[in-house]
């Protein structure tokens, strides 16, 4: 079977009635994992891919590579199907512009609680025919939801280099990561004095304190741990949480110190906290809008994305 770069569009249109099978294998790069997500057996999926390749006269996957890789023909076919999906969604939106539109937004629970009350009332007033669904998940899960077309876009802090290739990341702000202590913490006054003198904060003073941090599976938690390792700082007393609101309230009630992104300054718990900007370039984390390549975004979705950009600017 040839690895051809010109595929026959007539065959593609009429013979592949389940394009999601090929797309899932291309995304997962593993037949068994793709079959599990499609709820079919692995042999059935393998037979489908083999039949598709025979009908096109092209090899779509390089099976000598682990994980699987698309051949040059496979890449053409993948982009063809993505383009078809885009045009199909655009057609549906234009034919149904009189009907209720629906937006599915992926966002972390904490950021959602701070951002959405500020922008959604005005947006929905201007777009009364739009239904908004907020899918609030741990940020580590948002790219997967976007890949699976379960959300239209996501708002999250992201390490852009680690995102899947088909996801487009637009950085709308570089957010500072701030050191936080309770205002009545003994070290708070020491750090304020150092800050007033323009001196760098001596973080080694915190080594006997409890360090409250987000889990490694979360972007901000991983980011902070990488920074502390580079600074050769270690803390024997650690408490890990997956909830930013819990982190803030623990520290506000006198349990050690931690770090948070500057968006958290809007949280009511911050009234009892003091914030320190370490002014380190390594403590700037991109806030991004994530969309999927070749996926149609309705005018309402584009309007909401613009409202988010303006909010953070």
Protein backbone atom coordinates (compact mmCIF):
# COMPACT_ATOMS: atom_id res chain seq x y z
CA UNK A 1 0.00 0.00 0.00
CA UNK A 2 1.43 3.36 -0.99
CA UNK A 3 1.91 6.32 1.33
CA UNK A 4 0.44 8.72 -1.18
CA UNK A 5 0.08 12.44 -0.65
CA UNK A 6 -2.90 12.84 -2.96
CA UNK A 7 -6.04 11.23 -1.60
CA UNK A 8 -9.25 10.74 -3.54
CA UNK A 9 -11.91 13.03 -2.15
CA UNK A 10 -14.77 11.06 -3.71
CA UNK A 11 -13.76 7.98 -1.72
CA UNK A 12 -13.30 10.01 1.44
CA UNK A 13 -16.75 11.51 1.22
CA UNK A 14 -18.71 8.40 0.29
CA UNK A 15 -16.86 5.51 1.95
CA UNK A 16 -16.03 6.79 5.41
CA UNK A 17 -19.32 7.04 7.26
CA UNK A 18 -17.64 7.10 10.68
CA UNK A 19 -14.87 9.72 10.43
CA UNK A 20 -14.71 9.94 14.21
CA UNK A 21 -12.99 6.53 14.26
CA UNK A 22 -10.03 7.77 12.26
CA UNK A 23 -9.92 11.08 14.14
CA UNK A 24 -9.87 9.36 17.53
CA UNK A 25 -6.99 7.09 16.52
CA UNK A 26 -5.11 10.12 15.18
CA UNK A 27 -5.60 11.98 18.46
CA UNK A 28 -4.86 9.06 20.79
CA UNK A 29 -2.06 7.62 18.62
CA UNK A 30 -3.02 4.23 20.01
CA UNK A 31 -5.65 1.81 18.66
CA UNK A 32 -6.53 0.23 22.01
CA UNK A 33 -6.99 3.58 23.80
CA UNK A 34 -9.02 4.97 20.89
CA UNK A 35 -11.28 1.90 20.89
CA UNK A 36 -11.95 2.34 24.61
CA UNK A 37 -12.99 5.95 24.09
CA UNK A 38 -15.22 4.98 21.16
CA UNK A 39 -16.77 2.07 23.12
CA UNK A 40 -15.94 -0.47 20.41
CA UNK A 41 -13.56 -3.42 20.35
CA UNK A 42 -9.93 -3.02 19.33
CA UNK A 43 -10.20 -5.59 16.45
CA UNK A 44 -13.25 -3.76 15.04
CA UNK A 45 -11.42 -0.46 15.05
CA UNK A 46 -8.30 -2.00 13.46
CA UNK A 47 -10.47 -3.52 10.71
CA UNK A 48 -12.17 -0.18 10.11
CA UNK A 49 -8.84 1.63 9.70
CA UNK A 50 -7.50 -1.09 7.39
CA UNK A 51 -10.65 -0.95 5.24
CA UNK A 52 -10.45 2.84 5.10
CA UNK A 53 -6.82 2.68 3.94
CA UNK A 54 -7.72 0.14 1.24
CA UNK A 55 -10.56 2.32 0.00
CA UNK A 56 -8.27 5.34 -0.24
CA UNK A 57 -5.32 3.41 -1.61
CA UNK A 58 -3.10 5.10 0.97
CA UNK A 59 -1.46 4.18 4.25
CA UNK A 60 -2.73 6.66 6.87
CA UNK A 61 -0.69 5.53 9.89
CA UNK A 62 2.94 4.59 10.26
CA UNK A 63 2.61 1.45 12.37
CA UNK A 64 6.36 1.09 12.82
CA UNK A 65 6.31 4.05 15.19
CA UNK A 66 5.22 3.88 18.83
CA UNK A 67 3.03 5.79 19.47
CA UNK A 68 1.39 5.72 16.04
CA UNK A 69 2.18 8.57 13.67
CA UNK A 70 0.20 9.91 10.72
CA UNK A 71 1.78 9.48 7.33
CA UNK A 72 1.84 12.44 4.93
CA UNK A 73 -1.43 11.12 3.42
CA UNK A 74 -2.87 10.68 6.92
CA UNK A 75 -2.13 14.32 7.74
CA UNK A 76 -3.92 15.46 4.57
CA UNK A 77 -6.91 13.27 5.40
CA UNK A 78 -6.97 14.49 9.03
CA UNK A 79 -7.06 18.14 7.98
CA UNK A 80 -9.69 17.36 5.36
CA UNK A 81 -12.02 15.84 7.98
CA UNK A 82 -11.38 18.72 10.40
CA UNK A 83 -12.25 21.19 7.63
CA UNK A 84 -15.45 19.27 6.87
CA UNK A 85 -16.41 19.42 10.54
CA UNK A 86 -15.75 23.18 10.58
CA UNK A 87 -17.93 23.77 7.50
CA UNK A 88 -20.67 21.52 8.88
CA UNK A 89 -20.77 23.47 12.17
CA UNK A 90 -20.75 26.78 10.31
CA UNK A 91 -23.65 25.65 8.11
CA UNK A 92 -25.68 24.52 11.13
CA UNK A 93 -25.05 27.82 12.91
CA UNK A 94 -26.08 29.89 9.90
CA UNK A 95 -29.20 27.79 9.25
CA UNK A 96 -30.24 27.95 12.91
CA UNK A 97 -29.35 31.54 13.73
CA UNK A 98 -32.96 32.16 14.73
CA UNK A 99 -32.84 29.37 17.33
CA UNK A 100 -31.31 29.18 20.77
CA UNK A 101 -27.51 29.11 20.57
CA UNK A 102 -25.46 27.16 23.08
CA UNK A 103 -21.96 27.82 24.37
CA UNK A 104 -19.94 25.31 26.38
CA UNK A 105 -17.11 26.99 28.26
CA UNK A 106 -14.31 25.16 30.02
CA UNK A 107 -12.82 26.93 33.02
CA UNK A 108 -11.29 26.08 36.38
CA UNK A 109 -13.71 26.21 39.31
CA UNK A 110 -11.88 28.99 41.15
CA UNK A 111 -11.31 31.23 38.13
CA UNK A 112 -14.88 30.62 37.04
CA UNK A 113 -16.18 31.87 40.38
CA UNK A 114 -14.17 35.09 39.97
CA UNK A 115 -14.54 35.78 36.25
CA UNK A 116 -18.00 34.66 35.21
CA UNK A 117 -20.08 36.72 37.69
CA UNK A 118 -18.25 39.80 36.40
CA UNK A 119 -18.90 39.28 32.67
CA UNK A 120 -21.79 36.85 32.11
CA UNK A 121 -24.71 39.10 33.22
CA UNK A 122 -23.76 41.77 30.69
CA UNK A 123 -23.03 39.23 27.97
CA UNK A 124 -26.39 37.46 28.39
CA UNK A 125 -28.21 40.78 28.42
CA UNK A 126 -26.74 41.49 24.98
CA UNK A 127 -27.26 37.88 23.79
CA UNK A 128 -30.65 36.75 25.18
CA UNK A 129 -30.88 33.83 22.71
CA UNK A 130 -27.66 32.23 23.96
CA UNK A 131 -27.55 29.45 26.53
CA UNK A 132 -24.22 29.22 28.39
CA UNK A 133 -23.02 26.01 30.03
CA UNK A 134 -20.05 26.35 32.39
CA UNK A 135 -18.00 23.17 32.58
CA UNK A 136 -15.87 23.82 35.65
CA UNK A 137 -13.12 21.22 35.89
CA UNK A 138 -9.54 20.97 37.11
CA UNK A 139 -7.52 22.91 34.54
CA UNK A 140 -5.47 19.81 33.65
CA UNK A 141 -8.65 18.29 32.15
CA UNK A 142 -9.64 21.27 29.99
CA UNK A 143 -7.41 20.51 26.96
CA UNK A 144 -8.86 16.98 26.83
CA UNK A 145 -12.42 18.37 26.87
CA UNK A 146 -11.46 20.69 24.02
CA UNK A 147 -9.89 17.86 22.02
CA UNK A 148 -13.07 15.81 22.46
CA UNK A 149 -15.26 18.75 21.28
CA UNK A 150 -17.10 18.88 24.61
CA UNK A 151 -16.33 22.59 25.04
CA UNK A 152 -16.09 25.48 22.57
CA UNK A 153 -13.13 27.10 24.29
CA UNK A 154 -11.24 27.13 27.58
CA UNK A 155 -9.82 29.83 29.85
CA UNK A 156 -6.77 28.72 31.83
CA UNK A 157 -3.17 29.25 32.77
CA UNK A 158 -1.17 27.04 30.46
CA UNK A 159 2.36 25.99 29.66
CA UNK A 160 1.86 26.48 25.93
CA UNK A 161 4.68 24.17 24.84
CA UNK A 162 2.95 21.25 26.57
CA UNK A 163 -0.42 21.62 24.80
CA UNK A 164 -1.58 19.21 22.05
CA UNK A 165 -0.69 20.35 18.54
CA UNK A 166 -4.27 20.92 17.37
CA UNK A 167 -5.04 23.35 20.21
CA UNK A 168 -4.52 27.06 19.57
CA UNK A 169 -3.42 29.09 22.60
CA UNK A 170 -3.86 32.86 22.66
CA UNK A 171 -2.07 34.54 25.56
CA UNK A 172 -4.20 37.41 26.85
CA UNK A 173 -2.14 38.23 29.91
CA UNK A 174 1.07 37.30 31.68
CA UNK A 175 -0.09 36.76 35.26
CA UNK A 176 2.20 37.24 38.22
CA UNK A 177 2.53 34.45 40.76
CA UNK A 178 2.53 36.07 44.22
CA UNK A 179 3.85 34.92 47.59
CA UNK A 180 1.08 35.09 50.21
CA UNK A 181 1.11 35.25 54.02
CA UNK A 182 -1.48 36.12 56.63
CA UNK A 183 -1.18 39.77 57.66
CA UNK A 184 -0.59 38.73 61.27
CA UNK A 185 2.10 36.16 60.41
CA UNK A 186 5.41 36.99 62.20
CA UNK A 187 7.35 36.95 58.92
CA UNK A 188 4.92 39.28 57.21
CA UNK A 189 6.41 42.37 58.90
CA UNK A 190 9.96 41.17 58.10
CA UNK A 191 9.15 40.81 54.43
CA UNK A 192 7.35 44.17 54.30
CA UNK A 193 10.44 45.84 55.74
CA UNK A 194 12.70 44.12 53.20
CA UNK A 195 10.30 45.14 50.43
CA UNK A 196 10.28 48.81 51.56
CA UNK A 197 14.10 48.83 51.48
CA UNK A 198 14.06 47.39 47.97
CA UNK A 199 15.84 44.28 49.15
CA UNK A 200 15.05 40.80 47.79
CA UNK A 201 12.99 38.68 50.14
CA UNK A 202 14.93 35.96 51.94
CA UNK A 203 12.69 32.96 51.22
CA UNK A 204 14.94 30.72 53.30
CA UNK A 205 13.23 32.25 56.34
CA UNK A 206 10.16 30.23 55.33
CA UNK A 207 11.87 26.84 55.50
CA UNK A 208 10.47 26.07 58.96
CA UNK A 209 6.96 27.16 57.98
CA UNK A 210 4.13 25.06 56.54
CA UNK A 211 4.02 25.30 52.75
CA UNK A 212 0.48 25.12 51.33
CA UNK A 213 0.57 24.37 47.62
CA UNK A 214 -1.56 23.13 44.75
CA UNK A 215 -1.05 19.59 43.49
CA UNK A 216 1.52 18.67 40.86
CA UNK A 217 -1.26 17.77 38.43
CA UNK A 218 -2.31 21.43 38.35
CA UNK A 219 -0.49 23.90 36.12
CA UNK A 220 0.13 26.50 38.84
CA UNK A 221 1.25 23.90 41.40
CA UNK A 222 3.73 22.34 38.97
CA UNK A 223 4.95 25.80 37.92
CA UNK A 224 5.65 26.87 41.53
CA UNK A 225 7.41 23.62 42.42
CA UNK A 226 9.70 24.00 39.39
CA UNK A 227 10.58 27.54 40.49
CA UNK A 228 11.36 26.49 44.08
CA UNK A 229 13.56 23.63 42.88
CA UNK A 230 15.58 26.03 40.73
CA UNK A 231 15.99 28.29 43.77
CA UNK A 232 17.15 25.26 45.79
CA UNK A 233 14.40 25.81 48.34
CA UNK A 234 12.81 22.88 50.14
CA UNK A 235 10.12 22.73 52.79
CA UNK A 236 9.65 19.72 55.04
CA UNK A 237 6.18 20.74 56.23
CA UNK A 238 3.88 20.59 53.22
CA UNK A 239 0.14 20.53 52.72
CA UNK A 240 -1.29 19.90 49.26
CA UNK A 241 -4.74 20.90 48.05
CA UNK A 242 -6.44 20.95 44.65
CA UNK A 243 -8.60 23.95 45.55
CA UNK A 244 -7.33 27.55 45.34
CA UNK A 245 -10.08 28.83 47.65
CA UNK A 246 -9.06 26.29 50.32
CA UNK A 247 -5.41 27.32 49.94
CA UNK A 248 -6.23 31.00 50.50
CA UNK A 249 -8.41 30.37 53.53
CA UNK A 250 -5.92 28.05 55.19
CA UNK A 251 -3.20 30.67 54.90
CA UNK A 252 -5.56 33.47 55.96
CA UNK A 253 -6.20 31.48 59.14
CA UNK A 254 -2.51 31.30 59.97
CA UNK A 255 -1.38 28.06 58.34
CA UNK A 256 2.00 28.88 56.80
CA UNK A 257 2.45 30.43 53.37
CA UNK A 258 1.80 29.71 49.71
CA UNK A 259 1.64 31.17 46.22
CA UNK A 260 -1.24 32.21 43.99
CA UNK A 261 -1.80 33.82 40.60
CA UNK A 262 -2.74 37.49 40.73
CA UNK A 263 -6.30 36.81 39.54
CA UNK A 264 -6.93 35.66 43.10
CA UNK A 265 -6.68 39.24 44.38
CA UNK A 266 -10.42 39.44 43.71
CA UNK A 267 -11.20 36.64 46.18
CA UNK A 268 -12.83 37.92 49.42
CA UNK A 269 -10.40 35.80 51.49
CA UNK A 270 -7.54 38.08 50.43
CA UNK A 271 -8.63 40.80 52.89
CA UNK A 272 -6.63 39.00 55.59
CA UNK A 273 -3.63 38.30 53.40
CA UNK A 274 -0.50 40.16 52.36
CA UNK A 275 0.96 39.70 48.88
CA UNK A 276 4.56 39.89 47.76
CA UNK A 277 5.66 40.22 44.15
CA UNK A 278 9.09 38.57 43.93
CA UNK A 279 9.57 40.30 40.54
CA UNK A 280 11.05 37.17 39.04
CA UNK A 281 10.50 36.59 35.30
CA UNK A 282 10.19 32.87 36.14
CA UNK A 283 7.05 33.70 38.16
CA UNK A 284 5.02 34.95 35.20
CA UNK A 285 2.47 32.44 33.90
CA UNK A 286 0.47 32.91 30.66
CA UNK A 287 -3.29 33.21 30.94
CA UNK A 288 -4.63 31.75 27.72
CA UNK A 289 -7.76 31.31 25.67
CA UNK A 290 -7.71 27.84 24.15
CA UNK A 291 -9.58 26.97 20.98
CA UNK A 292 -9.31 24.01 18.64
CA UNK A 293 -7.85 24.29 15.18
CA UNK A 294 -10.41 24.16 12.32
CA UNK A 295 -13.40 24.30 14.69
CA UNK A 296 -16.09 26.87 13.99
CA UNK A 297 -16.75 29.51 16.65
CA UNK A 298 -20.13 31.19 16.51
CA UNK A 299 -20.43 35.00 16.63
CA UNK A 300 -21.67 34.68 20.23
CA UNK A 301 -18.58 32.65 21.18
CA UNK A 302 -16.32 35.24 19.58
CA UNK A 303 -18.14 38.02 21.45
CA UNK A 304 -17.67 36.23 24.77
CA UNK A 305 -13.97 35.66 24.03
CA UNK A 306 -13.63 39.38 23.37
CA UNK A 307 -15.39 40.21 26.66
CA UNK A 308 -12.85 38.00 28.49
CA UNK A 309 -9.93 39.73 26.73
CA UNK A 310 -11.25 43.15 27.70
CA UNK A 311 -11.85 42.08 31.31
CA UNK A 312 -8.22 41.08 31.78
CA UNK A 313 -6.82 44.06 29.91
